[in-house]
Amino acid sequence: MKEFITFEKMIAPIIITILFWIAVLADVIIAFGIMFTESFPAGLAILIFGPLLLRVYFEIMIVIFKIFETLKEIRDK
């Protein structure tokens, strides 16, 4: 509990992971909606490239926290 109070352990990476899966699920639902109501090729493109772009975006956010953890380890040495 002390780790959370003193911000030694970050909960943001856990939240980011959960948000990633919610975003992928929403992307798939939206892509299928677009595929069957408006434009099949556009929906297919969203279905293919949406999760990839989401992954890159969320990985960048995770890297920021990994950098913080590495800097903290260097400081502690």
PDB file of N, CA and C in Angstrom:
ATOM      1  N   MET A   1       0.829  -1.195   0.000  1.00  0.00           N
ATOM      2  CA  MET A   1       0.000   0.000   0.000  1.00  0.00           C
ATOM      3  C   MET A   1       0.873   1.259   0.000  1.00  0.00           C
ATOM      4  N   LYS A   2       1.987   1.185   0.717  1.00  0.00           N
ATOM      5  CA  LYS A   2       2.885   2.334   0.778  1.00  0.00           C
ATOM      6  C   LYS A   2       3.405   2.710  -0.603  1.00  0.00           C
ATOM      7  N   GLU A   3       3.618   1.675  -1.464  1.00  0.00           N
ATOM      8  CA  GLU A   3       4.120   1.929  -2.810  1.00  0.00           C
ATOM      9  C   GLU A   3       3.160   2.798  -3.618  1.00  0.00           C
ATOM     10  N   PHE A   4       1.865   2.585  -3.427  1.00  0.00           N
ATOM     11  CA  PHE A   4       0.884   3.394  -4.145  1.00  0.00           C
ATOM     12  C   PHE A   4       0.800   4.808  -3.593  1.00  0.00           C
ATOM     13  N   ILE A   5       0.891   4.935  -2.293  1.00  0.00           N
ATOM     14  CA  ILE A   5       0.785   6.249  -1.657  1.00  0.00           C
ATOM     15  C   ILE A   5       1.984   7.127  -2.016  1.00  0.00           C
ATOM     16  N   THR A   6       3.178   6.521  -2.074  1.00  0.00           N
ATOM     17  CA  THR A   6       4.382   7.289  -2.374  1.00  0.00           C
ATOM     18  C   THR A   6       4.713   7.318  -3.864  1.00  0.00           C
ATOM     19  N   PHE A   7       3.834   6.776  -4.690  1.00  0.00           N
ATOM     20  CA  PHE A   7       3.999   6.750  -6.151  1.00  0.00           C
ATOM     21  C   PHE A   7       5.243   5.975  -6.586  1.00  0.00           C
ATOM     22  N   GLU A   8       5.655   4.994  -5.801  1.00  0.00           N
ATOM     23  CA  GLU A   8       6.768   4.132  -6.187  1.00  0.00           C
ATOM     24  C   GLU A   8       6.313   3.090  -7.198  1.00  0.00           C
ATOM     25  N   LYS A   9       5.073   2.667  -7.115  1.00  0.00           N
ATOM     26  CA  LYS A   9       4.519   1.712  -8.076  1.00  0.00           C
ATOM     27  C   LYS A   9       3.434   2.426  -8.865  1.00  0.00           C
ATOM     28  N   MET A  10       3.560   2.360 -10.166  1.00  0.00           N
ATOM     29  CA  MET A  10       2.614   3.049 -11.040  1.00  0.00           C
ATOM     30  C   MET A  10       1.449   2.129 -11.405  1.00  0.00           C
ATOM     31  N   ILE A  11       0.251   2.673 -11.363  1.00  0.00           N
ATOM     32  CA  ILE A  11      -0.915   1.910 -11.798  1.00  0.00           C
ATOM     33  C   ILE A  11      -1.306   2.274 -13.228  1.00  0.00           C
ATOM     34  N   ALA A  12      -0.728   3.334 -13.751  1.00  0.00           N
ATOM     35  CA  ALA A  12      -1.065   3.766 -15.112  1.00  0.00           C
ATOM     36  C   ALA A  12      -0.791   2.689 -16.167  1.00  0.00           C
ATOM     37  N   PRO A  13       0.328   1.923 -16.095  1.00  0.00           N
ATOM     38  CA  PRO A  13       0.517   0.875 -17.103  1.00  0.00           C
ATOM     39  C   PRO A  13      -0.606  -0.168 -17.110  1.00  0.00           C
ATOM     40  N   ILE A  14      -1.136  -0.481 -15.957  1.00  0.00           N
ATOM     41  CA  ILE A  14      -2.251  -1.422 -15.882  1.00  0.00           C
ATOM     42  C   ILE A  14      -3.490  -0.813 -16.526  1.00  0.00           C
ATOM     43  N   ILE A  15      -3.748   0.441 -16.222  1.00  0.00           N
ATOM     44  CA  ILE A  15      -4.904   1.130 -16.796  1.00  0.00           C
ATOM     45  C   ILE A  15      -4.739   1.271 -18.307  1.00  0.00           C
ATOM     46  N   ILE A  16      -3.518   1.564 -18.748  1.00  0.00           N
ATOM     47  CA  ILE A  16      -3.262   1.696 -20.183  1.00  0.00           C
ATOM     48  C   ILE A  16      -3.545   0.386 -20.900  1.00  0.00           C
ATOM     49  N   THR A  17      -3.160  -0.734 -20.305  1.00  0.00           N
ATOM     50  CA  THR A  17      -3.421  -2.039 -20.916  1.00  0.00           C
ATOM     51  C   THR A  17      -4.920  -2.301 -21.032  1.00  0.00           C
ATOM     52  N   ILE A  18      -5.655  -1.995 -19.999  1.00  0.00           N
ATOM     53  CA  ILE A  18      -7.112  -2.178 -20.027  1.00  0.00           C
ATOM     54  C   ILE A  18      -7.737  -1.279 -21.087  1.00  0.00           C
ATOM     55  N   LEU A  19      -7.294  -0.031 -21.142  1.00  0.00           N
ATOM     56  CA  LEU A  19      -7.822   0.899 -22.138  1.00  0.00           C
ATOM     57  C   LEU A  19      -7.494   0.444 -23.556  1.00  0.00           C
ATOM     58  N   PHE A  20      -6.322  -0.168 -23.738  1.00  0.00           N
ATOM     59  CA  PHE A  20      -5.958  -0.680 -25.056  1.00  0.00           C
ATOM     60  C   PHE A  20      -6.962  -1.727 -25.519  1.00  0.00           C
ATOM     61  N   TRP A  21      -7.291  -2.681 -24.670  1.00  0.00           N
ATOM     62  CA  TRP A  21      -8.214  -3.742 -25.074  1.00  0.00           C
ATOM     63  C   TRP A  21      -9.623  -3.211 -25.295  1.00  0.00           C
ATOM     64  N   ILE A  22     -10.027  -2.222 -24.521  1.00  0.00           N
ATOM     65  CA  ILE A  22     -11.333  -1.590 -24.746  1.00  0.00           C
ATOM     66  C   ILE A  22     -11.334  -0.874 -26.102  1.00  0.00           C
ATOM     67  N   ALA A  23     -10.237  -0.182 -26.412  1.00  0.00           N
ATOM     68  CA  ALA A  23     -10.136   0.529 -27.683  1.00  0.00           C
ATOM     69  C   ALA A  23     -10.128  -0.442 -28.867  1.00  0.00           C
ATOM     70  N   VAL A  24      -9.443  -1.579 -28.729  1.00  0.00           N
ATOM     71  CA  VAL A  24      -9.434  -2.573 -29.804  1.00  0.00           C
ATOM     72  C   VAL A  24     -10.837  -3.134 -30.015  1.00  0.00           C
ATOM     73  N   LEU A  25     -11.525  -3.432 -28.943  1.00  0.00           N
ATOM     74  CA  LEU A  25     -12.901  -3.934 -29.051  1.00  0.00           C
ATOM     75  C   LEU A  25     -13.796  -2.907 -29.739  1.00  0.00           C
ATOM     76  N   ALA A  26     -13.676  -1.648 -29.343  1.00  0.00           N
ATOM     77  CA  ALA A  26     -14.468  -0.590 -29.979  1.00  0.00           C
ATOM     78  C   ALA A  26     -14.102  -0.447 -31.454  1.00  0.00           C
ATOM     79  N   ASP A  27     -12.820  -0.567 -31.766  1.00  0.00           N
ATOM     80  CA  ASP A  27     -12.369  -0.478 -33.158  1.00  0.00           C
ATOM     81  C   ASP A  27     -12.982  -1.590 -34.004  1.00  0.00           C
ATOM     82  N   VAL A  28     -12.993  -2.794 -33.489  1.00  0.00           N
ATOM     83  CA  VAL A  28     -13.563  -3.923 -34.233  1.00  0.00           C
ATOM     84  C   VAL A  28     -15.062  -3.728 -34.449  1.00  0.00           C
ATOM     85  N   ILE A  29     -15.754  -3.287 -33.418  1.00  0.00           N
ATOM     86  CA  ILE A  29     -17.198  -3.059 -33.543  1.00  0.00           C
ATOM     87  C   ILE A  29     -17.483  -1.966 -34.570  1.00  0.00           C
ATOM     88  N   ILE A  30     -16.736  -0.875 -34.493  1.00  0.00           N
ATOM     89  CA  ILE A  30     -16.922   0.225 -35.442  1.00  0.00           C
ATOM     90  C   ILE A  30     -16.579  -0.220 -36.861  1.00  0.00           C
ATOM     91  N   ALA A  31     -15.492  -0.985 -36.992  1.00  0.00           N
ATOM     92  CA  ALA A  31     -15.090  -1.453 -38.329  1.00  0.00           C
ATOM     93  C   ALA A  31     -16.171  -2.320 -38.952  1.00  0.00           C
ATOM     94  N   PHE A  32     -16.749  -3.249 -38.186  1.00  0.00           N
ATOM     95  CA  PHE A  32     -17.818  -4.081 -38.733  1.00  0.00           C
ATOM     96  C   PHE A  32     -19.054  -3.246 -39.067  1.00  0.00           C
ATOM     97  N   GLY A  33     -19.333  -2.258 -38.239  1.00  0.00           N
ATOM     98  CA  GLY A  33     -20.452  -1.371 -38.535  1.00  0.00           C
ATOM     99  C   GLY A  33     -20.255  -0.629 -39.837  1.00  0.00           C
ATOM    100  N   ILE A  34     -19.059  -0.131 -40.059  1.00  0.00           N
ATOM    101  CA  ILE A  34     -18.769   0.579 -41.300  1.00  0.00           C
ATOM    102  C   ILE A  34     -18.763  -0.377 -42.488  1.00  0.00           C
ATOM    103  N   MET A  35     -18.236  -1.576 -42.284  1.00  0.00           N
ATOM    104  CA  MET A  35     -18.169  -2.553 -43.378  1.00  0.00           C
ATOM    105  C   MET A  35     -19.555  -2.901 -43.917  1.00  0.00           C
ATOM    106  N   PHE A  36     -20.528  -3.035 -43.029  1.00  0.00           N
ATOM    107  CA  PHE A  36     -21.841  -3.514 -43.448  1.00  0.00           C
ATOM    108  C   PHE A  36     -22.877  -2.405 -43.664  1.00  0.00           C
ATOM    109  N   THR A  37     -22.525  -1.152 -43.337  1.00  0.00           N
ATOM    110  CA  THR A  37     -23.497  -0.081 -43.546  1.00  0.00           C
ATOM    111  C   THR A  37     -23.036   0.940 -44.578  1.00  0.00           C
ATOM    112  N   GLU A  38     -21.739   1.236 -44.610  1.00  0.00           N
ATOM    113  CA  GLU A  38     -21.272   2.306 -45.492  1.00  0.00           C
ATOM    114  C   GLU A  38     -20.347   1.805 -46.592  1.00  0.00           C
ATOM    115  N   SER A  39     -19.143   1.431 -46.214  1.00  0.00           N
ATOM    116  CA  SER A  39     -18.142   1.078 -47.219  1.00  0.00           C
ATOM    117  C   SER A  39     -17.340  -0.122 -46.729  1.00  0.00           C
ATOM    118  N   PHE A  40     -17.447  -1.216 -47.450  1.00  0.00           N
ATOM    119  CA  PHE A  40     -16.723  -2.427 -47.054  1.00  0.00           C
ATOM    120  C   PHE A  40     -15.207  -2.213 -47.031  1.00  0.00           C
ATOM    121  N   PRO A  41     -14.601  -1.609 -48.064  1.00  0.00           N
ATOM    122  CA  PRO A  41     -13.136  -1.414 -48.032  1.00  0.00           C
ATOM    123  C   PRO A  41     -12.674  -0.510 -46.882  1.00  0.00           C
ATOM    124  N   ALA A  42     -13.437   0.538 -46.594  1.00  0.00           N
ATOM    125  CA  ALA A  42     -13.064   1.429 -45.491  1.00  0.00           C
ATOM    126  C   ALA A  42     -13.139   0.684 -44.159  1.00  0.00           C
ATOM    127  N   GLY A  43     -14.196  -0.093 -43.976  1.00  0.00           N
ATOM    128  CA  GLY A  43     -14.326  -0.871 -42.750  1.00  0.00           C
ATOM    129  C   GLY A  43     -13.224  -1.899 -42.606  1.00  0.00           C
ATOM    130  N   LEU A  44     -12.850  -2.524 -43.716  1.00  0.00           N
ATOM    131  CA  LEU A  44     -11.770  -3.510 -43.702  1.00  0.00           C
ATOM    132  C   LEU A  44     -10.440  -2.846 -43.357  1.00  0.00           C
ATOM    133  N   ALA A  45     -10.209  -1.661 -43.897  1.00  0.00           N
ATOM    134  CA  ALA A  45      -8.985  -0.915 -43.583  1.00  0.00           C
ATOM    135  C   ALA A  45      -8.930  -0.561 -42.101  1.00  0.00           C
ATOM    136  N   ILE A  46     -10.052  -0.142 -41.556  1.00  0.00           N
ATOM    137  CA  ILE A  46     -10.106   0.185 -40.127  1.00  0.00           C
ATOM    138  C   ILE A  46      -9.880  -1.069 -39.294  1.00  0.00           C
ATOM    139  N   LEU A  47     -10.438  -2.181 -39.738  1.00  0.00           N
ATOM    140  CA  LEU A  47     -10.280  -3.444 -39.016  1.00  0.00           C
ATOM    141  C   LEU A  47      -8.821  -3.900 -39.010  1.00  0.00           C
ATOM    142  N   ILE A  48      -8.111  -3.654 -40.102  1.00  0.00           N
ATOM    143  CA  ILE A  48      -6.718  -4.089 -40.194  1.00  0.00           C
ATOM    144  C   ILE A  48      -5.766  -3.097 -39.524  1.00  0.00           C
ATOM    145  N   PHE A  49      -5.901  -1.816 -39.876  1.00  0.00           N
ATOM    146  CA  PHE A  49      -4.933  -0.829 -39.415  1.00  0.00           C
ATOM    147  C   PHE A  49      -5.275  -0.199 -38.067  1.00  0.00           C
ATOM    148  N   GLY A  50      -6.531  -0.234 -37.673  1.00  0.00           N
ATOM    149  CA  GLY A  50      -6.927   0.352 -36.394  1.00  0.00           C
ATOM    150  C   GLY A  50      -6.197  -0.253 -35.207  1.00  0.00           C
ATOM    151  N   PRO A  51      -6.258  -1.574 -35.030  1.00  0.00           N
ATOM    152  CA  PRO A  51      -5.537  -2.172 -33.899  1.00  0.00           C
ATOM    153  C   PRO A  51      -4.021  -1.966 -33.955  1.00  0.00           C
ATOM    154  N   LEU A  52      -3.455  -1.937 -35.161  1.00  0.00           N
ATOM    155  CA  LEU A  52      -2.021  -1.692 -35.273  1.00  0.00           C
ATOM    156  C   LEU A  52      -1.657  -0.290 -34.795  1.00  0.00           C
ATOM    157  N   LEU A  53      -2.431   0.694 -35.229  1.00  0.00           N
ATOM    158  CA  LEU A  53      -2.162   2.070 -34.801  1.00  0.00           C
ATOM    159  C   LEU A  53      -2.419   2.254 -33.308  1.00  0.00           C
ATOM    160  N   LEU A  54      -3.459   1.599 -32.811  1.00  0.00           N
ATOM    161  CA  LEU A  54      -3.725   1.648 -31.373  1.00  0.00           C
ATOM    162  C   LEU A  54      -2.563   1.046 -30.587  1.00  0.00           C
ATOM    163  N   ARG A  55      -2.045  -0.072 -31.078  1.00  0.00           N
ATOM    164  CA  ARG A  55      -0.924  -0.738 -30.405  1.00  0.00           C
ATOM    165  C   ARG A  55       0.283   0.186 -30.332  1.00  0.00           C
ATOM    166  N   VAL A  56       0.605   0.844 -31.439  1.00  0.00           N
ATOM    167  CA  VAL A  56       1.754   1.756 -31.459  1.00  0.00           C
ATOM    168  C   VAL A  56       1.535   2.902 -30.476  1.00  0.00           C
ATOM    169  N   TYR A  57       0.348   3.474 -30.485  1.00  0.00           N
ATOM    170  CA  TYR A  57       0.049   4.592 -29.592  1.00  0.00           C
ATOM    171  C   TYR A  57       0.178   4.189 -28.123  1.00  0.00           C
ATOM    172  N   PHE A  58      -0.417   3.056 -27.768  1.00  0.00           N
ATOM    173  CA  PHE A  58      -0.373   2.628 -26.376  1.00  0.00           C
ATOM    174  C   PHE A  58       1.025   2.151 -25.978  1.00  0.00           C
ATOM    175  N   GLU A  59       1.790   1.581 -26.913  1.00  0.00           N
ATOM    176  CA  GLU A  59       3.166   1.198 -26.601  1.00  0.00           C
ATOM    177  C   GLU A  59       4.013   2.422 -26.284  1.00  0.00           C
ATOM    178  N   ILE A  60       3.785   3.505 -26.996  1.00  0.00           N
ATOM    179  CA  ILE A  60       4.529   4.735 -26.712  1.00  0.00           C
ATOM    180  C   ILE A  60       4.243   5.203 -25.285  1.00  0.00           C
ATOM    181  N   MET A  61       2.995   5.113 -24.883  1.00  0.00           N
ATOM    182  CA  MET A  61       2.667   5.506 -23.504  1.00  0.00           C
ATOM    183  C   MET A  61       3.338   4.581 -22.489  1.00  0.00           C
ATOM    184  N   ILE A  62       3.367   3.270 -22.775  1.00  0.00           N
ATOM    185  CA  ILE A  62       4.013   2.331 -21.863  1.00  0.00           C
ATOM    186  C   ILE A  62       5.516   2.599 -21.802  1.00  0.00           C
ATOM    187  N   VAL A  63       6.135   2.941 -22.933  1.00  0.00           N
ATOM    188  CA  VAL A  63       7.576   3.217 -22.963  1.00  0.00           C
ATOM    189  C   VAL A  63       7.915   4.372 -22.032  1.00  0.00           C
ATOM    190  N   ILE A  64       7.063   5.360 -21.967  1.00  0.00           N
ATOM    191  CA  ILE A  64       7.303   6.494 -21.068  1.00  0.00           C
ATOM    192  C   ILE A  64       7.403   6.010 -19.625  1.00  0.00           C
ATOM    193  N   PHE A  65       6.534   5.097 -19.231  1.00  0.00           N
ATOM    194  CA  PHE A  65       6.585   4.571 -17.864  1.00  0.00           C
ATOM    195  C   PHE A  65       7.786   3.651 -17.660  1.00  0.00           C
ATOM    196  N   LYS A  66       8.179   2.910 -18.679  1.00  0.00           N
ATOM    197  CA  LYS A  66       9.373   2.061 -18.574  1.00  0.00           C
ATOM    198  C   LYS A  66      10.620   2.926 -18.410  1.00  0.00           C
ATOM    199  N   ILE A  67      10.668   4.046 -19.114  1.00  0.00           N
ATOM    200  CA  ILE A  67      11.789   4.970 -18.961  1.00  0.00           C
ATOM    201  C   ILE A  67      11.846   5.486 -17.525  1.00  0.00           C
ATOM    202  N   PHE A  68      10.693   5.819 -16.968  1.00  0.00           N
ATOM    203  CA  PHE A  68      10.635   6.288 -15.583  1.00  0.00           C
ATOM    204  C   PHE A  68      11.168   5.227 -14.631  1.00  0.00           C
ATOM    205  N   GLU A  69      10.748   3.972 -14.827  1.00  0.00           N
ATOM    206  CA  GLU A  69      11.209   2.897 -13.949  1.00  0.00           C
ATOM    207  C   GLU A  69      12.714   2.684 -14.075  1.00  0.00           C
ATOM    208  N   THR A  70      13.240   2.768 -15.276  1.00  0.00           N
ATOM    209  CA  THR A  70      14.680   2.599 -15.488  1.00  0.00           C
ATOM    210  C   THR A  70      15.454   3.732 -14.836  1.00  0.00           C
ATOM    211  N   LEU A  71      14.967   4.943 -14.980  1.00  0.00           N
ATOM    212  CA  LEU A  71      15.630   6.077 -14.332  1.00  0.00           C
ATOM    213  C   LEU A  71      15.595   5.942 -12.813  1.00  0.00           C
ATOM    214  N   LYS A  72      14.516   5.404 -12.300  1.00  0.00           N
ATOM    215  CA  LYS A  72      14.413   5.196 -10.848  1.00  0.00           C
ATOM    216  C   LYS A  72      15.428   4.156 -10.384  1.00  0.00           C
ATOM    217  N   GLU A  73      15.621   3.088 -11.181  1.00  0.00           N
ATOM    218  CA  GLU A  73      16.624   2.065 -10.841  1.00  0.00           C
ATOM    219  C   GLU A  73      18.038   2.651 -10.875  1.00  0.00           C
ATOM    220  N   ILE A  74      18.303   3.478 -11.873  1.00  0.00           N
ATOM    221  CA  ILE A  74      19.617   4.112 -11.966  1.00  0.00           C
ATOM    222  C   ILE A  74      19.856   5.010 -10.761  1.00  0.00           C
ATOM    223  N   ARG A  75      18.832   5.747 -10.367  1.00  0.00           N
ATOM    224  CA  ARG A  75      18.952   6.630  -9.189  1.00  0.00           C
ATOM    225  C   ARG A  75      19.230   5.840  -7.925  1.00  0.00           C
ATOM    226  N   ASP A  76      18.577   4.686  -7.798  1.00  0.00           N
ATOM    227  CA  ASP A  76      18.730   3.891  -6.581  1.00  0.00           C
ATOM    228  C   ASP A  76      20.108   3.225  -6.475  1.00  0.00           C
ATOM    229  N   LYS A  77      20.779   3.053  -7.615  1.00  0.00           N
ATOM    230  CA  LYS A  77      22.131   2.461  -7.579  1.00  0.00           C
ATOM    231  C   LYS A  77      23.093   3.499  -7.078  1.00  0.00           C
TER     232      LYS A  77
END
